[in-house]
C-alpha cells in the first residue's frame, strides 16, 4: 500500500500542508454565491491563514450525511463547514444543469498485485465531504482560469476533439440512439453539450 503525491513529500506534507494551528501563506478565494448556485461576485487575495481544524473525509462524511457536525469543533469552524456544505450543494445543482459537465461519474481506485500490475478496480464512494472539496476546487479553478484568460496570461491545454478515425464509430452510436446529428459537428462545444444532454 503506497501513495503517489503530485509534489515531493517535503512540500505536500510539510511546507505546503495546511496543518492545524500553523500559519501558512495562501491564495484565498472569496465568492458570493446565490442559493441556486449562481456566482455573483468573487476575488482572489494573498493572505496568511491559520487552519483551525484538520478533519478527514472519514470523520466528516457521516456527520454531513446526518445533517450534523462533530461536537469537538468550535462554533466558527462549524459555521464555516455548514456554509461550505450548503454552497457545494448549490454549485453541484447548478453544474448538473450543464451536461456533460454536471454528470456524476464514478471514480475508481486500483489494486496492484505483487508485481505492481493492476489486479482489479474498485469504485470510490464519494461522500458529501469529498463533494464539498470537489465543488470548491472546480469553482476556484474555473474562476482562476477565466481571470488568466482575460488577462492574456497562463498556459492552457486545449482538447483537440474526436480523432478522425473514431468518427465512424461515434456516428454509429448516434444513429443507434436515434439522434440525428453529424459526428463531425461534435467538436463544437455547444453541439457536444446538447447531444450529450439527449444521450442522457
N, C-alpha and C. Protein backbone atom coordinates (compact mmCIF):
# COMPACT_ATOMS: atom_id res chain seq x y z
N UNK A 1 0.86 -1.19 0.00
CA UNK A 1 0.00 0.00 0.00
C UNK A 1 0.89 1.24 0.00
N UNK A 2 0.76 2.08 -1.01
CA UNK A 2 1.56 3.31 -1.06
C UNK A 2 0.75 4.40 -1.74
N UNK A 3 1.20 5.64 -1.54
CA UNK A 3 0.55 6.75 -2.22
C UNK A 3 1.57 7.49 -3.05
N UNK A 4 1.10 8.08 -4.13
CA UNK A 4 1.96 8.85 -5.02
C UNK A 4 1.44 10.28 -5.02
N UNK A 5 2.25 11.21 -4.51
CA UNK A 5 1.82 12.60 -4.40
C UNK A 5 2.23 13.41 -5.62
N UNK A 6 1.48 14.48 -5.90
CA UNK A 6 1.81 15.34 -7.04
C UNK A 6 3.10 16.11 -6.78
N UNK A 7 3.36 16.44 -5.51
CA UNK A 7 4.55 17.18 -5.12
C UNK A 7 5.39 16.32 -4.18
N UNK A 8 6.68 16.63 -4.05
CA UNK A 8 7.51 15.88 -3.09
C UNK A 8 6.92 15.97 -1.69
N UNK A 9 7.09 14.91 -0.90
CA UNK A 9 6.51 14.85 0.44
C UNK A 9 6.96 16.01 1.32
N UNK A 10 8.21 16.49 1.13
CA UNK A 10 8.70 17.61 1.94
C UNK A 10 7.83 18.85 1.76
N UNK A 11 7.24 18.97 0.55
CA UNK A 11 6.36 20.11 0.29
C UNK A 11 4.91 19.78 0.65
N UNK A 12 4.38 18.67 0.11
CA UNK A 12 2.95 18.37 0.29
C UNK A 12 2.60 18.03 1.73
N UNK A 13 3.54 17.45 2.48
CA UNK A 13 3.23 17.05 3.85
C UNK A 13 3.84 17.96 4.89
N UNK A 14 4.60 18.97 4.45
CA UNK A 14 5.22 19.87 5.42
C UNK A 14 4.98 21.33 5.04
N UNK A 15 5.83 21.88 4.17
CA UNK A 15 5.78 23.31 3.89
C UNK A 15 4.46 23.78 3.29
N UNK A 16 3.84 22.97 2.42
CA UNK A 16 2.59 23.38 1.75
C UNK A 16 1.34 22.82 2.43
N UNK A 17 1.50 22.05 3.48
CA UNK A 17 0.34 21.42 4.11
C UNK A 17 -0.39 22.44 4.99
N UNK A 18 -1.69 22.24 5.11
CA UNK A 18 -2.50 23.12 5.96
C UNK A 18 -2.69 22.46 7.32
N UNK A 19 -1.60 22.35 8.07
CA UNK A 19 -1.67 21.73 9.38
C UNK A 19 -2.41 22.64 10.34
N UNK A 20 -3.21 22.03 11.19
CA UNK A 20 -3.99 22.80 12.16
C UNK A 20 -3.06 23.57 13.10
N UNK A 21 -3.35 24.86 13.28
CA UNK A 21 -2.59 25.69 14.22
C UNK A 21 -1.29 26.23 13.68
N UNK A 22 -1.02 26.05 12.38
CA UNK A 22 0.23 26.54 11.78
C UNK A 22 -0.11 27.59 10.73
N UNK A 23 0.56 28.74 10.81
CA UNK A 23 0.31 29.83 9.86
C UNK A 23 0.98 29.49 8.53
N UNK A 24 0.21 29.64 7.44
CA UNK A 24 0.72 29.32 6.10
C UNK A 24 0.34 30.44 5.13
N UNK A 25 1.22 30.74 4.15
CA UNK A 25 0.83 31.68 3.09
C UNK A 25 -0.16 30.99 2.16
N UNK A 26 -1.12 31.74 1.64
CA UNK A 26 -2.14 31.13 0.78
C UNK A 26 -2.72 32.16 -0.17
N UNK A 27 -3.31 31.67 -1.25
CA UNK A 27 -4.16 32.50 -2.10
C UNK A 27 -5.59 32.15 -1.70
N UNK A 28 -6.32 33.13 -1.21
CA UNK A 28 -7.66 32.91 -0.70
C UNK A 28 -8.68 33.29 -1.78
N UNK A 29 -9.63 32.40 -2.03
CA UNK A 29 -10.72 32.65 -2.98
C UNK A 29 -11.94 33.04 -2.16
N UNK A 30 -12.49 34.18 -2.45
CA UNK A 30 -13.68 34.65 -1.71
C UNK A 30 -14.79 34.89 -2.73
N UNK A 31 -15.93 34.19 -2.58
CA UNK A 31 -17.00 34.29 -3.55
C UNK A 31 -18.34 34.57 -2.89
N UNK A 32 -19.18 35.25 -3.63
CA UNK A 32 -20.57 35.43 -3.22
C UNK A 32 -21.41 34.59 -4.17
N UNK A 33 -22.18 33.66 -3.62
CA UNK A 33 -22.92 32.69 -4.42
C UNK A 33 -24.38 32.68 -4.00
N UNK A 34 -25.28 32.70 -4.99
CA UNK A 34 -26.71 32.69 -4.68
C UNK A 34 -27.15 31.30 -4.24
N UNK A 35 -28.36 31.22 -3.70
CA UNK A 35 -28.90 29.95 -3.20
C UNK A 35 -29.03 28.90 -4.31
N UNK A 36 -29.16 29.37 -5.58
CA UNK A 36 -29.28 28.41 -6.68
C UNK A 36 -27.95 28.16 -7.40
N UNK A 37 -26.83 28.56 -6.78
CA UNK A 37 -25.51 28.24 -7.32
C UNK A 37 -24.96 29.23 -8.32
N UNK A 38 -25.58 30.39 -8.45
CA UNK A 38 -25.09 31.42 -9.37
C UNK A 38 -23.96 32.20 -8.69
N UNK A 39 -22.84 32.38 -9.41
CA UNK A 39 -21.71 33.13 -8.85
C UNK A 39 -21.95 34.61 -9.09
N UNK A 40 -22.14 35.35 -8.01
CA UNK A 40 -22.48 36.77 -8.11
C UNK A 40 -21.25 37.66 -8.10
N UNK A 41 -20.24 37.26 -7.33
CA UNK A 41 -19.03 38.08 -7.21
C UNK A 41 -17.91 37.21 -6.69
N UNK A 42 -16.67 37.63 -6.93
CA UNK A 42 -15.55 36.84 -6.42
C UNK A 42 -14.23 37.58 -6.54
N UNK A 43 -13.29 37.18 -5.69
CA UNK A 43 -11.96 37.78 -5.74
C UNK A 43 -10.93 36.80 -5.20
N UNK A 44 -9.68 37.01 -5.61
CA UNK A 44 -8.56 36.25 -5.10
C UNK A 44 -7.65 37.21 -4.35
N UNK A 45 -7.23 36.85 -3.16
CA UNK A 45 -6.32 37.70 -2.39
C UNK A 45 -5.20 36.85 -1.80
N UNK A 46 -4.05 37.47 -1.60
CA UNK A 46 -2.93 36.80 -0.95
C UNK A 46 -3.09 37.03 0.55
N UNK A 47 -2.92 35.97 1.32
CA UNK A 47 -3.13 36.09 2.77
C UNK A 47 -2.30 35.05 3.51
N UNK A 48 -2.29 35.19 4.83
CA UNK A 48 -1.73 34.15 5.69
C UNK A 48 -2.91 33.56 6.43
N UNK A 49 -2.98 32.22 6.44
CA UNK A 49 -4.11 31.57 7.10
C UNK A 49 -3.61 30.65 8.21
N UNK A 50 -4.49 30.42 9.17
CA UNK A 50 -4.21 29.51 10.27
C UNK A 50 -5.36 28.53 10.34
N UNK A 51 -5.13 27.32 9.88
CA UNK A 51 -6.18 26.30 9.86
C UNK A 51 -6.59 25.98 11.29
N UNK A 52 -7.91 26.00 11.53
CA UNK A 52 -8.43 25.80 12.88
C UNK A 52 -8.66 24.32 13.21
N UNK A 53 -8.82 23.51 12.17
CA UNK A 53 -9.08 22.09 12.40
C UNK A 53 -8.66 21.29 11.18
N UNK A 54 -8.11 20.11 11.42
CA UNK A 54 -7.73 19.22 10.32
C UNK A 54 -8.62 17.98 10.40
N UNK A 55 -9.57 17.91 9.48
CA UNK A 55 -10.57 16.84 9.51
C UNK A 55 -10.37 15.89 8.34
N UNK A 56 -10.74 14.65 8.54
CA UNK A 56 -10.65 13.67 7.47
C UNK A 56 -12.04 13.46 6.86
N UNK A 57 -12.05 12.96 5.62
CA UNK A 57 -13.32 12.62 4.98
C UNK A 57 -14.07 11.58 5.82
N UNK A 58 -13.32 10.61 6.34
CA UNK A 58 -13.92 9.53 7.12
C UNK A 58 -14.64 10.09 8.35
N UNK A 59 -14.05 11.10 8.97
CA UNK A 59 -14.66 11.70 10.15
C UNK A 59 -15.87 12.55 9.79
N UNK A 60 -15.77 13.30 8.70
CA UNK A 60 -16.79 14.30 8.39
C UNK A 60 -18.00 13.73 7.63
N UNK A 61 -17.78 12.74 6.77
CA UNK A 61 -18.88 12.23 5.93
C UNK A 61 -20.12 11.78 6.71
N UNK A 62 -19.97 10.98 7.77
CA UNK A 62 -21.18 10.55 8.49
C UNK A 62 -21.96 11.73 9.08
N UNK A 63 -21.24 12.75 9.53
CA UNK A 63 -21.90 13.93 10.11
C UNK A 63 -22.68 14.70 9.05
N UNK A 64 -22.03 14.95 7.90
CA UNK A 64 -22.71 15.71 6.85
C UNK A 64 -23.92 14.95 6.31
N UNK A 65 -23.81 13.62 6.21
CA UNK A 65 -24.95 12.82 5.77
C UNK A 65 -26.12 12.92 6.76
N UNK A 66 -25.79 13.04 8.05
CA UNK A 66 -26.82 13.10 9.09
C UNK A 66 -27.28 14.53 9.37
N UNK A 67 -26.64 15.50 8.71
CA UNK A 67 -27.01 16.91 8.94
C UNK A 67 -26.46 17.45 10.25
N UNK A 68 -25.34 16.86 10.72
CA UNK A 68 -24.72 17.33 11.97
C UNK A 68 -23.26 17.67 11.69
N UNK A 69 -22.57 18.14 12.73
CA UNK A 69 -21.13 18.39 12.65
C UNK A 69 -20.48 17.89 13.93
N UNK A 70 -19.18 17.51 13.87
CA UNK A 70 -18.52 16.98 15.07
C UNK A 70 -18.62 17.95 16.25
N UNK A 71 -18.95 17.41 17.42
CA UNK A 71 -19.16 18.24 18.61
C UNK A 71 -17.90 18.97 19.06
N UNK A 72 -16.73 18.38 18.81
CA UNK A 72 -15.48 18.96 19.33
C UNK A 72 -15.05 20.23 18.59
N UNK A 73 -15.70 20.54 17.47
CA UNK A 73 -15.32 21.74 16.71
C UNK A 73 -15.86 22.99 17.37
N UNK A 74 -15.08 24.09 17.26
CA UNK A 74 -15.59 25.32 17.84
C UNK A 74 -16.67 25.92 16.92
N UNK A 75 -17.52 26.81 17.44
CA UNK A 75 -18.66 27.32 16.68
C UNK A 75 -18.30 27.96 15.33
N UNK A 76 -17.16 28.67 15.26
CA UNK A 76 -16.76 29.31 14.00
C UNK A 76 -16.48 28.28 12.91
N UNK A 77 -15.80 27.19 13.29
CA UNK A 77 -15.49 26.14 12.32
C UNK A 77 -16.78 25.46 11.86
N UNK A 78 -17.68 25.20 12.79
CA UNK A 78 -18.96 24.59 12.44
C UNK A 78 -19.74 25.48 11.47
N UNK A 79 -19.73 26.78 11.73
CA UNK A 79 -20.46 27.71 10.86
C UNK A 79 -19.85 27.71 9.45
N UNK A 80 -18.51 27.70 9.37
CA UNK A 80 -17.84 27.68 8.07
C UNK A 80 -18.16 26.40 7.31
N UNK A 81 -18.10 25.26 8.00
CA UNK A 81 -18.39 23.98 7.34
C UNK A 81 -19.83 23.89 6.87
N UNK A 82 -20.75 24.37 7.70
CA UNK A 82 -22.17 24.34 7.31
C UNK A 82 -22.40 25.19 6.07
N UNK A 83 -21.76 26.37 6.04
CA UNK A 83 -21.90 27.26 4.87
C UNK A 83 -21.29 26.63 3.63
N UNK A 84 -20.11 26.03 3.77
CA UNK A 84 -19.45 25.38 2.63
C UNK A 84 -20.27 24.21 2.11
N UNK A 85 -20.87 23.46 3.02
CA UNK A 85 -21.70 22.33 2.60
C UNK A 85 -22.91 22.83 1.80
N UNK A 86 -23.53 23.89 2.27
CA UNK A 86 -24.68 24.46 1.57
C UNK A 86 -24.27 24.99 0.19
N UNK A 87 -23.13 25.68 0.15
CA UNK A 87 -22.62 26.23 -1.12
C UNK A 87 -22.29 25.10 -2.09
N UNK A 88 -21.65 24.03 -1.61
CA UNK A 88 -21.27 22.93 -2.51
C UNK A 88 -22.51 22.27 -3.11
N UNK A 89 -23.59 22.16 -2.34
CA UNK A 89 -24.83 21.59 -2.87
C UNK A 89 -25.44 22.50 -3.94
N UNK A 90 -25.38 23.82 -3.70
CA UNK A 90 -25.91 24.76 -4.69
C UNK A 90 -25.09 24.73 -5.97
N UNK A 91 -23.76 24.70 -5.84
CA UNK A 91 -22.88 24.66 -7.02
C UNK A 91 -23.09 23.36 -7.80
N UNK A 92 -23.23 22.26 -7.07
CA UNK A 92 -23.44 20.97 -7.74
C UNK A 92 -24.77 20.97 -8.50
N UNK A 93 -25.80 21.53 -7.87
CA UNK A 93 -27.10 21.62 -8.54
C UNK A 93 -27.02 22.43 -9.81
N UNK A 94 -26.25 23.51 -9.80
CA UNK A 94 -26.08 24.35 -10.98
C UNK A 94 -25.32 23.60 -12.08
N UNK A 95 -24.27 22.89 -11.67
CA UNK A 95 -23.46 22.15 -12.66
C UNK A 95 -24.26 21.02 -13.31
N UNK A 96 -25.18 20.41 -12.57
CA UNK A 96 -25.97 19.31 -13.12
C UNK A 96 -26.86 19.76 -14.27
N UNK A 97 -27.07 21.06 -14.37
CA UNK A 97 -27.89 21.59 -15.46
C UNK A 97 -27.10 21.71 -16.75
N UNK A 98 -25.79 21.45 -16.70
CA UNK A 98 -24.92 21.62 -17.87
C UNK A 98 -24.29 20.29 -18.27
N UNK A 99 -25.01 19.42 -18.97
CA UNK A 99 -24.40 18.17 -19.42
C UNK A 99 -23.30 18.47 -20.44
N UNK A 100 -22.21 17.70 -20.48
CA UNK A 100 -21.91 16.56 -19.62
C UNK A 100 -21.15 16.96 -18.36
N UNK A 101 -20.88 18.26 -18.18
CA UNK A 101 -20.04 18.69 -17.06
C UNK A 101 -20.66 18.34 -15.72
N UNK A 102 -21.98 18.38 -15.62
CA UNK A 102 -22.64 18.12 -14.36
C UNK A 102 -22.93 16.66 -14.09
N UNK A 103 -22.49 15.81 -15.00
CA UNK A 103 -22.79 14.38 -14.86
C UNK A 103 -21.89 13.76 -13.80
N UNK A 104 -22.50 13.08 -12.84
CA UNK A 104 -21.72 12.41 -11.80
C UNK A 104 -21.14 11.13 -12.37
N UNK A 105 -19.83 11.07 -12.44
CA UNK A 105 -19.17 9.86 -12.93
C UNK A 105 -18.41 9.22 -11.78
N UNK A 106 -18.44 7.90 -11.69
CA UNK A 106 -17.71 7.25 -10.59
C UNK A 106 -16.21 7.39 -10.78
N UNK A 107 -15.49 7.42 -9.66
CA UNK A 107 -14.02 7.37 -9.69
C UNK A 107 -13.62 5.99 -9.18
N UNK A 108 -12.44 5.55 -9.62
CA UNK A 108 -12.01 4.21 -9.26
C UNK A 108 -10.62 4.23 -8.65
N UNK A 109 -10.38 3.30 -7.75
CA UNK A 109 -9.02 3.08 -7.26
C UNK A 109 -8.59 1.71 -7.73
N UNK A 110 -7.30 1.56 -7.99
CA UNK A 110 -6.81 0.28 -8.50
C UNK A 110 -6.03 -0.45 -7.42
N UNK A 111 -6.12 -1.76 -7.44
CA UNK A 111 -5.34 -2.60 -6.53
C UNK A 111 -4.29 -3.31 -7.36
N UNK A 112 -3.04 -3.24 -6.89
CA UNK A 112 -1.93 -3.83 -7.63
C UNK A 112 -1.55 -5.19 -7.04
N UNK A 113 -1.03 -6.05 -7.90
CA UNK A 113 -0.53 -7.34 -7.41
C UNK A 113 0.91 -7.19 -6.96
N UNK A 114 1.55 -8.29 -6.58
CA UNK A 114 2.92 -8.24 -6.05
C UNK A 114 3.94 -7.76 -7.08
N UNK A 115 3.58 -7.81 -8.39
CA UNK A 115 4.49 -7.35 -9.43
C UNK A 115 4.21 -5.91 -9.86
N UNK A 116 3.27 -5.26 -9.16
CA UNK A 116 2.96 -3.87 -9.47
C UNK A 116 2.01 -3.69 -10.63
N UNK A 117 1.35 -4.78 -11.05
CA UNK A 117 0.37 -4.69 -12.13
C UNK A 117 -1.03 -4.54 -11.56
N UNK A 118 -1.91 -3.90 -12.31
CA UNK A 118 -3.27 -3.70 -11.83
C UNK A 118 -3.99 -5.03 -11.77
N UNK A 119 -4.49 -5.35 -10.59
CA UNK A 119 -5.20 -6.61 -10.37
C UNK A 119 -6.70 -6.42 -10.51
N UNK A 120 -7.21 -5.35 -9.90
CA UNK A 120 -8.65 -5.06 -10.02
C UNK A 120 -8.91 -3.60 -9.68
N UNK A 121 -10.10 -3.15 -10.09
CA UNK A 121 -10.55 -1.80 -9.81
C UNK A 121 -11.71 -1.86 -8.83
N UNK A 122 -11.84 -0.82 -8.01
CA UNK A 122 -12.99 -0.70 -7.11
C UNK A 122 -13.50 0.74 -7.19
N UNK A 123 -14.81 0.88 -7.26
CA UNK A 123 -15.40 2.21 -7.31
C UNK A 123 -15.22 2.90 -5.97
N UNK A 124 -14.95 4.21 -6.01
CA UNK A 124 -14.81 5.01 -4.79
C UNK A 124 -16.16 5.65 -4.49
N UNK A 125 -16.64 5.43 -3.29
CA UNK A 125 -17.91 6.03 -2.88
C UNK A 125 -17.62 7.42 -2.32
N UNK A 126 -17.88 8.44 -3.14
CA UNK A 126 -17.60 9.80 -2.69
C UNK A 126 -18.73 10.30 -1.80
N UNK A 127 -18.37 10.77 -0.63
CA UNK A 127 -19.35 11.30 0.30
C UNK A 127 -19.48 12.80 0.18
N UNK A 128 -20.33 13.41 1.00
CA UNK A 128 -20.54 14.86 0.93
C UNK A 128 -19.28 15.68 1.23
N UNK A 129 -18.37 15.15 2.05
CA UNK A 129 -17.14 15.89 2.35
C UNK A 129 -16.25 15.98 1.10
N UNK A 130 -16.13 14.86 0.37
CA UNK A 130 -15.35 14.89 -0.88
C UNK A 130 -16.00 15.83 -1.89
N UNK A 131 -17.33 15.79 -1.98
CA UNK A 131 -18.04 16.63 -2.93
C UNK A 131 -17.90 18.11 -2.57
N UNK A 132 -17.85 18.40 -1.27
CA UNK A 132 -17.64 19.77 -0.82
C UNK A 132 -16.30 20.30 -1.35
N UNK A 133 -15.24 19.52 -1.14
CA UNK A 133 -13.91 19.92 -1.61
C UNK A 133 -13.89 20.00 -3.14
N UNK A 134 -14.51 19.01 -3.79
CA UNK A 134 -14.53 18.96 -5.25
C UNK A 134 -15.19 20.21 -5.85
N UNK A 135 -16.36 20.58 -5.33
CA UNK A 135 -17.07 21.74 -5.86
C UNK A 135 -16.29 23.03 -5.64
N UNK A 136 -15.67 23.16 -4.47
CA UNK A 136 -14.88 24.37 -4.18
C UNK A 136 -13.66 24.45 -5.10
N UNK A 137 -13.04 23.30 -5.38
CA UNK A 137 -11.87 23.29 -6.27
C UNK A 137 -12.27 23.62 -7.71
N UNK A 138 -13.40 23.07 -8.16
CA UNK A 138 -13.87 23.38 -9.52
C UNK A 138 -14.15 24.88 -9.64
N UNK A 139 -14.81 25.45 -8.64
CA UNK A 139 -15.12 26.88 -8.65
C UNK A 139 -13.84 27.71 -8.69
N UNK A 140 -12.87 27.40 -7.83
CA UNK A 140 -11.61 28.15 -7.79
C UNK A 140 -10.85 28.01 -9.11
N UNK A 141 -10.79 26.80 -9.67
CA UNK A 141 -10.06 26.58 -10.92
C UNK A 141 -10.70 27.30 -12.11
N UNK A 142 -12.04 27.20 -12.19
CA UNK A 142 -12.73 27.89 -13.29
C UNK A 142 -12.54 29.40 -13.19
N UNK A 143 -12.69 29.93 -12.00
CA UNK A 143 -12.56 31.39 -11.82
C UNK A 143 -11.14 31.85 -12.09
N UNK A 144 -10.15 31.10 -11.63
CA UNK A 144 -8.76 31.47 -11.88
C UNK A 144 -8.44 31.42 -13.36
N UNK A 145 -8.91 30.38 -14.06
CA UNK A 145 -8.62 30.26 -15.50
C UNK A 145 -9.30 31.38 -16.29
N UNK A 146 -10.51 31.76 -15.89
CA UNK A 146 -11.20 32.87 -16.57
C UNK A 146 -10.44 34.18 -16.39
N UNK A 147 -9.91 34.40 -15.18
CA UNK A 147 -9.15 35.63 -14.93
C UNK A 147 -7.84 35.64 -15.71
N UNK A 148 -7.16 34.49 -15.76
CA UNK A 148 -5.91 34.39 -16.51
C UNK A 148 -6.15 34.61 -18.00
N UNK A 149 -7.23 33.99 -18.52
CA UNK A 149 -7.54 34.14 -19.95
C UNK A 149 -7.87 35.59 -20.27
N UNK A 150 -8.63 36.26 -19.40
CA UNK A 150 -8.99 37.66 -19.63
C UNK A 150 -7.76 38.56 -19.61
N UNK A 151 -6.76 38.17 -18.81
CA UNK A 151 -5.53 38.96 -18.73
C UNK A 151 -4.53 38.58 -19.82
N UNK A 152 -4.85 37.53 -20.59
CA UNK A 152 -3.96 37.11 -21.68
C UNK A 152 -2.72 36.40 -21.20
N UNK A 153 -2.78 35.78 -20.01
CA UNK A 153 -1.63 35.06 -19.48
C UNK A 153 -2.06 33.64 -19.11
N UNK A 154 -1.10 32.80 -18.80
CA UNK A 154 -1.42 31.44 -18.38
C UNK A 154 -1.18 30.43 -19.48
N UNK A 155 -1.01 29.19 -19.09
CA UNK A 155 -0.82 28.08 -20.03
C UNK A 155 -2.05 27.21 -19.94
N UNK A 156 -2.71 26.98 -21.05
CA UNK A 156 -3.94 26.20 -21.08
C UNK A 156 -3.79 25.00 -22.01
N UNK A 157 -4.37 23.88 -21.62
CA UNK A 157 -4.40 22.74 -22.53
C UNK A 157 -5.76 22.76 -23.22
N UNK A 158 -5.75 22.50 -24.51
CA UNK A 158 -7.00 22.52 -25.29
C UNK A 158 -7.27 21.12 -25.82
N UNK A 159 -8.54 20.74 -25.79
CA UNK A 159 -8.94 19.43 -26.29
C UNK A 159 -9.02 19.50 -27.82
N UNK A 160 -8.33 18.59 -28.49
CA UNK A 160 -8.28 18.60 -29.96
C UNK A 160 -9.53 18.05 -30.63
N UNK A 161 -10.47 17.55 -29.84
CA UNK A 161 -11.69 16.98 -30.42
C UNK A 161 -11.53 15.49 -30.69
N UNK A 162 -12.54 14.91 -31.31
CA UNK A 162 -12.51 13.48 -31.59
C UNK A 162 -11.54 13.16 -32.71
N UNK A 163 -10.83 12.05 -32.57
CA UNK A 163 -9.91 11.63 -33.61
C UNK A 163 -10.70 11.22 -34.84
N UNK A 164 -10.20 11.57 -36.02
CA UNK A 164 -10.89 11.32 -37.29
C UNK A 164 -11.25 9.85 -37.45
N UNK A 165 -10.34 8.94 -37.06
CA UNK A 165 -10.60 7.51 -37.25
C UNK A 165 -11.72 6.98 -36.34
N UNK A 166 -12.14 7.77 -35.34
CA UNK A 166 -13.23 7.34 -34.44
C UNK A 166 -14.59 7.89 -34.84
N UNK A 167 -14.62 8.80 -35.79
CA UNK A 167 -15.89 9.45 -36.14
C UNK A 167 -16.94 8.46 -36.65
N UNK A 168 -16.52 7.43 -37.38
CA UNK A 168 -17.47 6.43 -37.87
C UNK A 168 -18.15 5.70 -36.72
N UNK A 169 -17.36 5.30 -35.71
CA UNK A 169 -17.93 4.62 -34.54
C UNK A 169 -18.89 5.54 -33.79
N UNK A 170 -18.51 6.80 -33.65
CA UNK A 170 -19.36 7.77 -32.95
C UNK A 170 -20.66 7.98 -33.71
N UNK A 171 -20.56 8.06 -35.04
CA UNK A 171 -21.76 8.24 -35.85
C UNK A 171 -22.70 7.05 -35.70
N UNK A 172 -22.14 5.85 -35.62
CA UNK A 172 -22.96 4.64 -35.42
C UNK A 172 -23.69 4.69 -34.09
N UNK A 173 -23.01 5.17 -33.05
CA UNK A 173 -23.65 5.29 -31.73
C UNK A 173 -24.81 6.28 -31.77
N UNK A 174 -24.57 7.41 -32.44
CA UNK A 174 -25.63 8.42 -32.56
C UNK A 174 -26.81 7.87 -33.34
N UNK A 175 -26.53 7.19 -34.44
CA UNK A 175 -27.60 6.62 -35.27
C UNK A 175 -28.40 5.59 -34.49
N UNK A 176 -27.70 4.71 -33.75
CA UNK A 176 -28.37 3.68 -32.95
C UNK A 176 -29.26 4.28 -31.87
N UNK A 177 -28.85 5.45 -31.36
CA UNK A 177 -29.63 6.13 -30.32
C UNK A 177 -30.76 6.96 -30.91
N UNK A 178 -30.83 7.01 -32.25
CA UNK A 178 -31.89 7.77 -32.91
C UNK A 178 -31.67 9.27 -32.87
N UNK A 179 -30.41 9.68 -32.72
CA UNK A 179 -30.08 11.12 -32.68
C UNK A 179 -29.58 11.55 -34.04
N UNK A 180 -30.31 12.47 -34.66
CA UNK A 180 -29.94 12.96 -35.99
C UNK A 180 -28.90 14.06 -35.81
N UNK A 181 -27.64 13.65 -35.82
CA UNK A 181 -26.55 14.59 -35.57
C UNK A 181 -25.30 14.07 -36.27
N UNK A 182 -24.58 14.96 -36.94
CA UNK A 182 -23.33 14.57 -37.57
C UNK A 182 -22.23 14.50 -36.52
N UNK A 183 -21.51 13.39 -36.49
CA UNK A 183 -20.42 13.22 -35.53
C UNK A 183 -19.35 14.30 -35.71
N UNK A 184 -19.17 14.76 -36.95
CA UNK A 184 -18.14 15.78 -37.22
C UNK A 184 -18.44 17.11 -36.51
N UNK A 185 -19.71 17.37 -36.23
CA UNK A 185 -20.08 18.64 -35.58
C UNK A 185 -19.93 18.60 -34.07
N UNK A 186 -19.61 17.42 -33.52
CA UNK A 186 -19.50 17.30 -32.06
C UNK A 186 -18.27 18.00 -31.48
N UNK A 187 -17.36 18.41 -32.35
CA UNK A 187 -16.20 19.15 -31.85
C UNK A 187 -16.56 20.58 -31.44
N UNK A 188 -17.78 21.02 -31.75
CA UNK A 188 -18.26 22.33 -31.30
C UNK A 188 -18.85 22.15 -29.90
N UNK A 189 -18.36 22.89 -28.89
CA UNK A 189 -18.81 22.67 -27.51
C UNK A 189 -20.32 22.71 -27.32
N UNK A 190 -21.01 23.68 -27.94
CA UNK A 190 -22.46 23.78 -27.74
C UNK A 190 -23.17 22.54 -28.30
N UNK A 191 -22.74 22.09 -29.49
CA UNK A 191 -23.35 20.90 -30.10
C UNK A 191 -23.06 19.67 -29.25
N UNK A 192 -21.84 19.56 -28.77
CA UNK A 192 -21.45 18.43 -27.93
C UNK A 192 -22.31 18.37 -26.66
N UNK A 193 -22.46 19.53 -25.97
CA UNK A 193 -23.25 19.57 -24.74
C UNK A 193 -24.72 19.21 -25.01
N UNK A 194 -25.27 19.75 -26.09
CA UNK A 194 -26.67 19.47 -26.42
C UNK A 194 -26.87 17.99 -26.74
N UNK A 195 -25.92 17.40 -27.47
CA UNK A 195 -26.02 15.98 -27.84
C UNK A 195 -25.87 15.09 -26.63
N UNK A 196 -24.94 15.42 -25.73
CA UNK A 196 -24.77 14.64 -24.51
C UNK A 196 -26.04 14.71 -23.66
N UNK A 197 -26.69 15.86 -23.66
CA UNK A 197 -27.96 16.00 -22.94
C UNK A 197 -29.01 15.05 -23.48
N UNK A 198 -29.08 14.92 -24.82
CA UNK A 198 -30.03 14.00 -25.45
C UNK A 198 -29.68 12.55 -25.12
N UNK A 199 -28.40 12.22 -25.14
CA UNK A 199 -27.98 10.86 -24.85
C UNK A 199 -28.28 10.45 -23.43
N UNK A 200 -28.21 11.40 -22.50
CA UNK A 200 -28.52 11.09 -21.11
C UNK A 200 -29.95 10.64 -20.95
